[in-house]
Amino acid sequence: MAASYSLNSSIYVNISELEPGRSSFGIKMRVIRCYRQPSSHKADPDDTLELILHDEIGDHIHATMDYGVFKDKKLDIIEGNLYKIMNIMVAHDMSKFRTTTNPFKLRL
């Protein structure tokens, strides 16, 4: 399920309420860091867009999006701006190197 970038929904949760398997919700987050990550695998040549987000409480979470999706949707994601995002996937963050202490990661 692809992420939807709608400003009309009223079902938003904080980072502390996120859990894997839950998908019918939205988040209001500020982008505090955004960068393009080159792929390190020859089998998967697509780059990703990596985001560090924080909510109104101050909790942080790492999010990732395929760079091709970012380009295709012509999204303009700017550090410091607030975004409302719907239909995201929450997963356990099993990365070796982590950008936040949150046990979960978002897939947009």
C-alpha atoms as a PDB file:
ATOM      1  CA  MET A   1       0.000   0.000   0.000  1.00  0.00           C
ATOM      2  CA  ALA A   2       1.513   3.314  -1.044  1.00  0.00           C
ATOM      3  CA  ALA A   3       1.659   6.258   1.297  1.00  0.00           C
ATOM      4  CA  SER A   4      -0.908   8.973   0.784  1.00  0.00           C
ATOM      5  CA  TYR A   5      -0.101  12.619   1.428  1.00  0.00           C
ATOM      6  CA  SER A   6      -3.492  14.065   2.380  1.00  0.00           C
ATOM      7  CA  LEU A   7      -4.251  17.104   4.518  1.00  0.00           C
ATOM      8  CA  ASN A   8      -7.940  16.210   5.042  1.00  0.00           C
ATOM      9  CA  SER A   9      -7.871  13.323   7.524  1.00  0.00           C
ATOM     10  CA  SER A  10      -8.442  13.637  11.263  1.00  0.00           C
ATOM     11  CA  ILE A  11      -6.985  10.313  12.498  1.00  0.00           C
ATOM     12  CA  TYR A  12      -3.464  11.110  13.682  1.00  0.00           C
ATOM     13  CA  VAL A  13      -1.268   9.329  16.223  1.00  0.00           C
ATOM     14  CA  ASN A  14       1.965  10.213  17.976  1.00  0.00           C
ATOM     15  CA  ILE A  15       5.171   8.244  17.490  1.00  0.00           C
ATOM     16  CA  SER A  16       4.749   6.590  20.900  1.00  0.00           C
ATOM     17  CA  GLU A  17       1.452   5.049  19.656  1.00  0.00           C
ATOM     18  CA  LEU A  18       2.963   3.409  16.550  1.00  0.00           C
ATOM     19  CA  GLU A  19       3.137  -0.374  16.365  1.00  0.00           C
ATOM     20  CA  PRO A  20       3.776  -2.887  13.568  1.00  0.00           C
ATOM     21  CA  GLY A  21       0.684  -4.211  11.801  1.00  0.00           C
ATOM     22  CA  ARG A  22      -1.363  -1.057  12.277  1.00  0.00           C
ATOM     23  CA  SER A  23      -2.004   0.840   9.054  1.00  0.00           C
ATOM     24  CA  SER A  24      -5.291   2.809   9.202  1.00  0.00           C
ATOM     25  CA  PHE A  25      -3.927   5.979  10.773  1.00  0.00           C
ATOM     26  CA  GLY A  26      -2.034   9.115   9.928  1.00  0.00           C
ATOM     27  CA  ILE A  27       0.852  11.024  11.422  1.00  0.00           C
ATOM     28  CA  LYS A  28       1.652  14.725  11.690  1.00  0.00           C
ATOM     29  CA  MET A  29       5.416  15.028  11.723  1.00  0.00           C
ATOM     30  CA  ARG A  30       8.092  17.625  11.222  1.00  0.00           C
ATOM     31  CA  VAL A  31      10.986  16.618   8.963  1.00  0.00           C
ATOM     32  CA  ILE A  32      14.161  17.417  10.851  1.00  0.00           C
ATOM     33  CA  ARG A  33      16.569  15.667   8.437  1.00  0.00           C
ATOM     34  CA  CYS A  34      16.110  14.475   4.860  1.00  0.00           C
ATOM     35  CA  TYR A  35      18.776  12.872   2.669  1.00  0.00           C
ATOM     36  CA  ARG A  36      19.186  10.590  -0.340  1.00  0.00           C
ATOM     37  CA  GLN A  37      20.822   7.238   0.444  1.00  0.00           C
ATOM     38  CA  PRO A  38      22.555   5.441  -2.449  1.00  0.00           C
ATOM     39  CA  SER A  39      21.816   1.727  -2.657  1.00  0.00           C
ATOM     40  CA  SER A  40      24.553  -0.551  -1.375  1.00  0.00           C
ATOM     41  CA  HIS A  41      23.203  -3.665  -3.123  1.00  0.00           C
ATOM     42  CA  LYS A  42      23.810  -4.514  -6.767  1.00  0.00           C
ATOM     43  CA  ALA A  43      20.536  -6.467  -6.861  1.00  0.00           C
ATOM     44  CA  ASP A  44      18.591  -3.360  -5.733  1.00  0.00           C
ATOM     45  CA  PRO A  45      19.960  -0.345  -7.635  1.00  0.00           C
ATOM     46  CA  ASP A  46      17.291   2.075  -6.373  1.00  0.00           C
ATOM     47  CA  ASP A  47      18.281   4.829  -3.981  1.00  0.00           C
ATOM     48  CA  THR A  48      16.076   5.709  -1.019  1.00  0.00           C
ATOM     49  CA  LEU A  49      15.021   8.965   0.573  1.00  0.00           C
ATOM     50  CA  GLU A  50      15.713   8.822   4.306  1.00  0.00           C
ATOM     51  CA  LEU A  51      13.826  11.039   6.744  1.00  0.00           C
ATOM     52  CA  ILE A  52      14.155  11.732  10.444  1.00  0.00           C
ATOM     53  CA  LEU A  53      10.775  12.851  11.778  1.00  0.00           C
ATOM     54  CA  HIS A  54       9.554  14.156  15.102  1.00  0.00           C
ATOM     55  CA  ASP A  55       6.063  14.718  16.473  1.00  0.00           C
ATOM     56  CA  GLU A  56       4.614  17.451  18.672  1.00  0.00           C
ATOM     57  CA  ILE A  57       5.683  15.580  21.823  1.00  0.00           C
ATOM     58  CA  GLY A  58       9.318  15.487  20.650  1.00  0.00           C
ATOM     59  CA  ASP A  59       9.651  11.751  19.883  1.00  0.00           C
ATOM     60  CA  HIS A  60      11.750  10.830  16.828  1.00  0.00           C
ATOM     61  CA  ILE A  61      11.481   8.080  14.216  1.00  0.00           C
ATOM     62  CA  HIS A  62      13.333   7.112  11.037  1.00  0.00           C
ATOM     63  CA  ALA A  63      11.325   6.841   7.814  1.00  0.00           C
ATOM     64  CA  THR A  64      12.327   5.654   4.372  1.00  0.00           C
ATOM     65  CA  MET A  65      10.857   6.007   0.887  1.00  0.00           C
ATOM     66  CA  ASP A  66      11.975   4.695  -2.495  1.00  0.00           C
ATOM     67  CA  TYR A  67      13.626   7.606  -4.286  1.00  0.00           C
ATOM     68  CA  GLY A  68      11.792   6.677  -7.505  1.00  0.00           C
ATOM     69  CA  VAL A  69       8.431   7.138  -5.751  1.00  0.00           C
ATOM     70  CA  PHE A  70       9.621  10.490  -4.418  1.00  0.00           C
ATOM     71  CA  LYS A  71      10.584  11.653  -7.923  1.00  0.00           C
ATOM     72  CA  ASP A  72       7.454  10.214  -9.612  1.00  0.00           C
ATOM     73  CA  LYS A  73       5.082  11.988  -7.208  1.00  0.00           C
ATOM     74  CA  LYS A  74       7.123  15.195  -7.547  1.00  0.00           C
ATOM     75  CA  LEU A  75       7.094  15.631  -3.795  1.00  0.00           C
ATOM     76  CA  ASP A  76       8.758  18.658  -2.291  1.00  0.00           C
ATOM     77  CA  ILE A  77       9.981  17.567   1.140  1.00  0.00           C
ATOM     78  CA  ILE A  78      11.799  20.325   2.988  1.00  0.00           C
ATOM     79  CA  GLU A  79      13.602  20.039   6.310  1.00  0.00           C
ATOM     80  CA  GLY A  80      11.769  21.934   9.045  1.00  0.00           C
ATOM     81  CA  ASN A  81       8.335  21.667   7.421  1.00  0.00           C
ATOM     82  CA  LEU A  82       5.341  19.893   8.959  1.00  0.00           C
ATOM     83  CA  TYR A  83       3.649  17.088   6.972  1.00  0.00           C
ATOM     84  CA  LYS A  84       0.525  14.981   7.422  1.00  0.00           C
ATOM     85  CA  ILE A  85       1.008  11.468   6.045  1.00  0.00           C
ATOM     86  CA  MET A  86      -1.561   8.658   5.745  1.00  0.00           C
ATOM     87  CA  ASN A  87      -1.318   4.894   5.092  1.00  0.00           C
ATOM     88  CA  ILE A  88       2.201   4.180   6.236  1.00  0.00           C
ATOM     89  CA  MET A  89       3.794   0.883   7.150  1.00  0.00           C
ATOM     90  CA  VAL A  90       5.379   0.458  10.588  1.00  0.00           C
ATOM     91  CA  ALA A  91       8.110  -2.168  10.974  1.00  0.00           C
ATOM     92  CA  HIS A  92      10.760  -3.120  13.507  1.00  0.00           C
ATOM     93  CA  ASP A  93      14.003  -1.293  12.774  1.00  0.00           C
ATOM     94  CA  MET A  94      16.585  -4.045  12.373  1.00  0.00           C
ATOM     95  CA  SER A  95      19.232  -1.750  10.870  1.00  0.00           C
ATOM     96  CA  LYS A  96      22.809  -2.157  11.993  1.00  0.00           C
ATOM     97  CA  PHE A  97      23.252   1.619  12.089  1.00  0.00           C
ATOM     98  CA  ARG A  98      20.285   3.505  13.512  1.00  0.00           C
ATOM     99  CA  THR A  99      19.441   7.185  13.329  1.00  0.00           C
ATOM    100  CA  THR A 100      17.050   7.175  16.318  1.00  0.00           C
ATOM    101  CA  THR A 101      16.535   5.114  19.448  1.00  0.00           C
ATOM    102  CA  ASN A 102      12.982   4.229  18.372  1.00  0.00           C
ATOM    103  CA  PRO A 103      12.544   0.440  17.920  1.00  0.00           C
ATOM    104  CA  PHE A 104      10.384   1.025  14.809  1.00  0.00           C
ATOM    105  CA  LYS A 105      10.898   2.470  11.344  1.00  0.00           C
ATOM    106  CA  LEU A 106       8.334   3.873   8.905  1.00  0.00           C
ATOM    107  CA  ARG A 107       8.071   2.835   5.270  1.00  0.00           C
ATOM    108  CA  LEU A 108       6.404   5.537   3.164  1.00  0.00           C
END
